[in-house]
């Protein structure tokens, strides 16, 4: 939660998500700020490679 961070009313923002992605929403006025998508493909590839090594052993 980001306290007093709303650019419209100075209210509190909380992070939430729906089918379209993550966003900050003000608890007082309802203002919404979209958050950038986070991609974690590199770490997923490492975990997948480690899992394959463990199965092969």
PDB file of N, CA and C in Angstrom:
ATOM      1  N   UNK A   1       0.842  -1.164   0.000  1.00  0.00           N
ATOM      2  CA  UNK A   1       0.000   0.000   0.000  1.00  0.00           C
ATOM      3  C   UNK A   1       0.896   1.239   0.000  1.00  0.00           C
ATOM      4  N   UNK A   2       0.532   2.178  -0.818  1.00  0.00           N
ATOM      5  CA  UNK A   2       1.262   3.445  -0.894  1.00  0.00           C
ATOM      6  C   UNK A   2       0.405   4.519  -0.233  1.00  0.00           C
ATOM      7  N   UNK A   3       0.853   4.999   0.909  1.00  0.00           N
ATOM      8  CA  UNK A   3       0.073   5.972   1.654  1.00  0.00           C
ATOM      9  C   UNK A   3       0.198   7.363   1.058  1.00  0.00           C
ATOM     10  N   UNK A   4      -0.919   8.034   0.900  1.00  0.00           N
ATOM     11  CA  UNK A   4      -1.011   9.413   0.412  1.00  0.00           C
ATOM     12  C   UNK A   4      -0.295   9.604  -0.922  1.00  0.00           C
ATOM     13  N   UNK A   5      -0.436   8.635  -1.837  1.00  0.00           N
ATOM     14  CA  UNK A   5       0.291   8.685  -3.107  1.00  0.00           C
ATOM     15  C   UNK A   5      -0.601   8.933  -4.318  1.00  0.00           C
ATOM     16  N   UNK A   6      -1.893   9.096  -4.131  1.00  0.00           N
ATOM     17  CA  UNK A   6      -2.792   9.319  -5.268  1.00  0.00           C
ATOM     18  C   UNK A   6      -2.541  10.700  -5.858  1.00  0.00           C
ATOM     19  N   UNK A   7      -2.293  10.784  -7.179  1.00  0.00           N
ATOM     20  CA  UNK A   7      -2.037  12.086  -7.797  1.00  0.00           C
ATOM     21  C   UNK A   7      -3.302  12.947  -7.898  1.00  0.00           C
ATOM     22  N   UNK A   8      -4.470  12.337  -7.803  1.00  0.00           N
ATOM     23  CA  UNK A   8      -5.717  13.083  -7.947  1.00  0.00           C
ATOM     24  C   UNK A   8      -6.214  13.667  -6.619  1.00  0.00           C
ATOM     25  N   UNK A   9      -6.224  12.846  -5.555  1.00  0.00           N
ATOM     26  CA  UNK A   9      -6.803  13.323  -4.294  1.00  0.00           C
ATOM     27  C   UNK A   9      -5.854  13.243  -3.104  1.00  0.00           C
ATOM     28  N   UNK A  10      -4.680  12.616  -3.285  1.00  0.00           N
ATOM     29  CA  UNK A  10      -3.747  12.462  -2.175  1.00  0.00           C
ATOM     30  C   UNK A  10      -4.095  11.308  -1.254  1.00  0.00           C
ATOM     31  N   UNK A  11      -4.954  10.404  -1.726  1.00  0.00           N
ATOM     32  CA  UNK A  11      -5.366   9.253  -0.918  1.00  0.00           C
ATOM     33  C   UNK A  11      -4.371   8.107  -0.995  1.00  0.00           C
ATOM     34  N   UNK A  12      -4.762   6.974  -0.436  1.00  0.00           N
ATOM     35  CA  UNK A  12      -3.910   5.789  -0.346  1.00  0.00           C
ATOM     36  C   UNK A  12      -4.136   4.866  -1.542  1.00  0.00           C
ATOM     37  N   UNK A  13      -3.037   4.407  -2.156  1.00  0.00           N
ATOM     38  CA  UNK A  13      -3.113   3.494  -3.293  1.00  0.00           C
ATOM     39  C   UNK A  13      -2.821   2.079  -2.832  1.00  0.00           C
ATOM     40  N   UNK A  14      -3.558   1.120  -3.382  1.00  0.00           N
ATOM     41  CA  UNK A  14      -3.247  -0.284  -3.123  1.00  0.00           C
ATOM     42  C   UNK A  14      -3.117  -1.000  -4.458  1.00  0.00           C
ATOM     43  N   UNK A  15      -2.253  -2.019  -4.499  1.00  0.00           N
ATOM     44  CA  UNK A  15      -1.987  -2.768  -5.725  1.00  0.00           C
ATOM     45  C   UNK A  15      -3.007  -3.884  -5.839  1.00  0.00           C
ATOM     46  N   UNK A  16      -3.591  -4.010  -7.014  1.00  0.00           N
ATOM     47  CA  UNK A  16      -4.534  -5.091  -7.295  1.00  0.00           C
ATOM     48  C   UNK A  16      -4.356  -5.499  -8.746  1.00  0.00           C
ATOM     49  N   UNK A  17      -5.011  -6.565  -9.164  1.00  0.00           N
ATOM     50  CA  UNK A  17      -4.889  -6.995 -10.555  1.00  0.00           C
ATOM     51  C   UNK A  17      -6.182  -7.630 -11.022  1.00  0.00           C
ATOM     52  N   UNK A  18      -6.356  -7.621 -12.342  1.00  0.00           N
ATOM     53  CA  UNK A  18      -7.481  -8.283 -12.976  1.00  0.00           C
ATOM     54  C   UNK A  18      -6.964  -9.014 -14.206  1.00  0.00           C
ATOM     55  N   UNK A  19      -7.841  -9.414 -15.104  1.00  0.00           N
ATOM     56  CA  UNK A  19      -7.408 -10.179 -16.277  1.00  0.00           C
ATOM     57  C   UNK A  19      -6.528  -9.363 -17.217  1.00  0.00           C
ATOM     58  N   UNK A  20      -6.537  -8.042 -17.094  1.00  0.00           N
ATOM     59  CA  UNK A  20      -5.754  -7.183 -17.976  1.00  0.00           C
ATOM     60  C   UNK A  20      -4.388  -6.825 -17.405  1.00  0.00           C
ATOM     61  N   UNK A  21      -4.125  -7.119 -16.140  1.00  0.00           N
ATOM     62  CA  UNK A  21      -2.831  -6.827 -15.537  1.00  0.00           C
ATOM     63  C   UNK A  21      -2.964  -6.184 -14.168  1.00  0.00           C
ATOM     64  N   UNK A  22      -1.839  -5.720 -13.648  1.00  0.00           N
ATOM     65  CA  UNK A  22      -1.792  -5.115 -12.313  1.00  0.00           C
ATOM     66  C   UNK A  22      -1.974  -3.606 -12.399  1.00  0.00           C
ATOM     67  N   UNK A  23      -2.510  -3.033 -11.327  1.00  0.00           N
ATOM     68  CA  UNK A  23      -2.695  -1.591 -11.279  1.00  0.00           C
ATOM     69  C   UNK A  23      -2.794  -1.127  -9.835  1.00  0.00           C
ATOM     70  N   UNK A  24      -2.498   0.159  -9.632  1.00  0.00           N
ATOM     71  CA  UNK A  24      -2.721   0.816  -8.344  1.00  0.00           C
ATOM     72  C   UNK A  24      -4.096   1.449  -8.390  1.00  0.00           C
ATOM     73  N   UNK A  25      -4.854   1.313  -7.307  1.00  0.00           N
ATOM     74  CA  UNK A  25      -6.167   1.944  -7.235  1.00  0.00           C
ATOM     75  C   UNK A  25      -6.284   2.706  -5.926  1.00  0.00           C
ATOM     76  N   UNK A  26      -6.773   3.942  -6.019  1.00  0.00           N
ATOM     77  CA  UNK A  26      -6.941   4.775  -4.833  1.00  0.00           C
ATOM     78  C   UNK A  26      -8.136   4.272  -4.028  1.00  0.00           C
ATOM     79  N   UNK A  27      -7.966   4.149  -2.734  1.00  0.00           N
ATOM     80  CA  UNK A  27      -9.038   3.671  -1.864  1.00  0.00           C
ATOM     81  C   UNK A  27     -10.073   4.762  -1.582  1.00  0.00           C
ATOM     82  N   UNK A  28      -9.695   6.035  -1.777  1.00  0.00           N
ATOM     83  CA  UNK A  28     -10.624   7.117  -1.488  1.00  0.00           C
ATOM     84  C   UNK A  28     -11.435   7.539  -2.719  1.00  0.00           C
ATOM     85  N   UNK A  29     -10.767   7.768  -3.863  1.00  0.00           N
ATOM     86  CA  UNK A  29     -11.478   8.307  -5.031  1.00  0.00           C
ATOM     87  C   UNK A  29     -11.620   7.317  -6.180  1.00  0.00           C
ATOM     88  N   UNK A  30     -10.923   6.172  -6.132  1.00  0.00           N
ATOM     89  CA  UNK A  30     -11.050   5.169  -7.183  1.00  0.00           C
ATOM     90  C   UNK A  30     -10.136   5.372  -8.377  1.00  0.00           C
ATOM     91  N   UNK A  31      -9.275   6.382  -8.335  1.00  0.00           N
ATOM     92  CA  UNK A  31      -8.334   6.630  -9.441  1.00  0.00           C
ATOM     93  C   UNK A  31      -7.482   5.387  -9.692  1.00  0.00           C
ATOM     94  N   UNK A  32      -7.221   5.078 -10.974  1.00  0.00           N
ATOM     95  CA  UNK A  32      -6.461   3.879 -11.338  1.00  0.00           C
ATOM     96  C   UNK A  32      -5.206   4.265 -12.112  1.00  0.00           C
ATOM     97  N   UNK A  33      -4.070   3.646 -11.755  1.00  0.00           N
ATOM     98  CA  UNK A  33      -2.803   3.786 -12.480  1.00  0.00           C
ATOM     99  C   UNK A  33      -2.358   2.394 -12.894  1.00  0.00           C
ATOM    100  N   UNK A  34      -2.206   2.172 -14.211  1.00  0.00           N
ATOM    101  CA  UNK A  34      -1.714   0.877 -14.680  1.00  0.00           C
ATOM    102  C   UNK A  34      -0.254   0.704 -14.293  1.00  0.00           C
ATOM    103  N   UNK A  35       0.126  -0.530 -13.956  1.00  0.00           N
ATOM    104  CA  UNK A  35       1.512  -0.856 -13.637  1.00  0.00           C
ATOM    105  C   UNK A  35       2.131  -1.588 -14.819  1.00  0.00           C
ATOM    106  N   UNK A  36       3.428  -1.389 -15.065  1.00  0.00           N
ATOM    107  CA  UNK A  36       4.072  -2.098 -16.180  1.00  0.00           C
ATOM    108  C   UNK A  36       4.106  -3.600 -15.928  1.00  0.00           C
ATOM    109  N   UNK A  37       4.043  -4.377 -17.005  1.00  0.00           N
ATOM    110  CA  UNK A  37       4.137  -5.832 -16.894  1.00  0.00           C
ATOM    111  C   UNK A  37       5.543  -6.222 -16.479  1.00  0.00           C
ATOM    112  N   UNK A  38       5.655  -7.211 -15.624  1.00  0.00           N
ATOM    113  CA  UNK A  38       6.944  -7.716 -15.168  1.00  0.00           C
ATOM    114  C   UNK A  38       7.164  -9.070 -15.811  1.00  0.00           C
ATOM    115  N   UNK A  39       8.308  -9.236 -16.442  1.00  0.00           N
ATOM    116  CA  UNK A  39       8.606 -10.500 -17.112  1.00  0.00           C
ATOM    117  C   UNK A  39       9.735 -11.203 -16.363  1.00  0.00           C
ATOM    118  N   UNK A  40       9.563 -12.480 -16.101  1.00  0.00           N
ATOM    119  CA  UNK A  40      10.550 -13.249 -15.348  1.00  0.00           C
ATOM    120  C   UNK A  40      11.009 -14.463 -16.140  1.00  0.00           C
ATOM    121  N   UNK A  41      11.143 -14.321 -17.431  1.00  0.00           N
ATOM    122  CA  UNK A  41      11.463 -15.466 -18.279  1.00  0.00           C
ATOM    123  C   UNK A  41      12.830 -16.057 -17.967  1.00  0.00           C
ATOM    124  N   UNK A  42      13.823 -15.241 -17.606  1.00  0.00           N
ATOM    125  CA  UNK A  42      15.169 -15.762 -17.345  1.00  0.00           C
ATOM    126  C   UNK A  42      15.165 -16.692 -16.138  1.00  0.00           C
ATOM    127  N   UNK A  43      14.520 -16.297 -15.053  1.00  0.00           N
ATOM    128  CA  UNK A  43      14.507 -17.152 -13.868  1.00  0.00           C
ATOM    129  C   UNK A  43      13.666 -18.397 -14.095  1.00  0.00           C
ATOM    130  N   UNK A  44      12.620 -18.301 -14.891  1.00  0.00           N
ATOM    131  CA  UNK A  44      11.798 -19.473 -15.193  1.00  0.00           C
ATOM    132  C   UNK A  44      12.609 -20.473 -16.003  1.00  0.00           C
ATOM    133  N   UNK A  45      13.419 -19.998 -16.929  1.00  0.00           N
ATOM    134  CA  UNK A  45      14.251 -20.895 -17.734  1.00  0.00           C
ATOM    135  C   UNK A  45      15.274 -21.614 -16.855  1.00  0.00           C
ATOM    136  N   UNK A  46      15.861 -20.897 -15.874  1.00  0.00           N
ATOM    137  CA  UNK A  46      16.838 -21.523 -14.974  1.00  0.00           C
ATOM    138  C   UNK A  46      16.188 -22.610 -14.136  1.00  0.00           C
ATOM    139  N   UNK A  47      15.030 -22.342 -13.584  1.00  0.00           N
ATOM    140  CA  UNK A  47      14.334 -23.321 -12.750  1.00  0.00           C
ATOM    141  C   UNK A  47      13.959 -24.535 -13.582  1.00  0.00           C
ATOM    142  N   UNK A  48      13.492 -24.316 -14.809  1.00  0.00           N
ATOM    143  CA  UNK A  48      13.127 -25.419 -15.692  1.00  0.00           C
ATOM    144  C   UNK A  48      14.346 -26.266 -16.022  1.00  0.00           C
ATOM    145  N   UNK A  49      15.483 -25.637 -16.285  1.00  0.00           N
ATOM    146  CA  UNK A  49      16.707 -26.375 -16.596  1.00  0.00           C
ATOM    147  C   UNK A  49      17.159 -27.201 -15.393  1.00  0.00           C
ATOM    148  N   UNK A  50      17.064 -26.650 -14.186  1.00  0.00           N
ATOM    149  CA  UNK A  50      17.442 -27.390 -12.981  1.00  0.00           C
ATOM    150  C   UNK A  50      16.515 -28.580 -12.766  1.00  0.00           C
ATOM    151  N   UNK A  51      15.243 -28.409 -13.024  1.00  0.00           N
ATOM    152  CA  UNK A  51      14.284 -29.503 -12.849  1.00  0.00           C
ATOM    153  C   UNK A  51      14.576 -30.629 -13.832  1.00  0.00           C
ATOM    154  N   UNK A  52      14.939 -30.290 -15.062  1.00  0.00           N
ATOM    155  CA  UNK A  52      15.270 -31.312 -16.061  1.00  0.00           C
ATOM    156  C   UNK A  52      16.529 -32.074 -15.651  1.00  0.00           C
ATOM    157  N   UNK A  53      17.521 -31.372 -15.083  1.00  0.00           N
ATOM    158  CA  UNK A  53      18.752 -32.025 -14.625  1.00  0.00           C
ATOM    159  C   UNK A  53      18.457 -33.006 -13.491  1.00  0.00           C
ATOM    160  N   UNK A  54      17.572 -32.635 -12.587  1.00  0.00           N
ATOM    161  CA  UNK A  54      17.227 -33.509 -11.463  1.00  0.00           C
ATOM    162  C   UNK A  54      16.479 -34.755 -11.927  1.00  0.00           C
ATOM    163  N   UNK A  55      15.644 -34.632 -12.939  1.00  0.00           N
ATOM    164  CA  UNK A  55      14.890 -35.774 -13.455  1.00  0.00           C
ATOM    165  C   UNK A  55      15.819 -36.733 -14.190  1.00  0.00           C
ATOM    166  N   UNK A  56      16.783 -36.183 -14.933  1.00  0.00           N
ATOM    167  CA  UNK A  56      17.703 -37.012 -15.714  1.00  0.00           C
ATOM    168  C   UNK A  56      18.668 -37.782 -14.810  1.00  0.00           C
ATOM    169  N   UNK A  57      18.961 -37.279 -13.632  1.00  0.00           N
ATOM    170  CA  UNK A  57      19.945 -37.909 -12.733  1.00  0.00           C
ATOM    171  C   UNK A  57      19.423 -39.124 -12.029  1.00  0.00           C
TER     172      UNK A  57
END
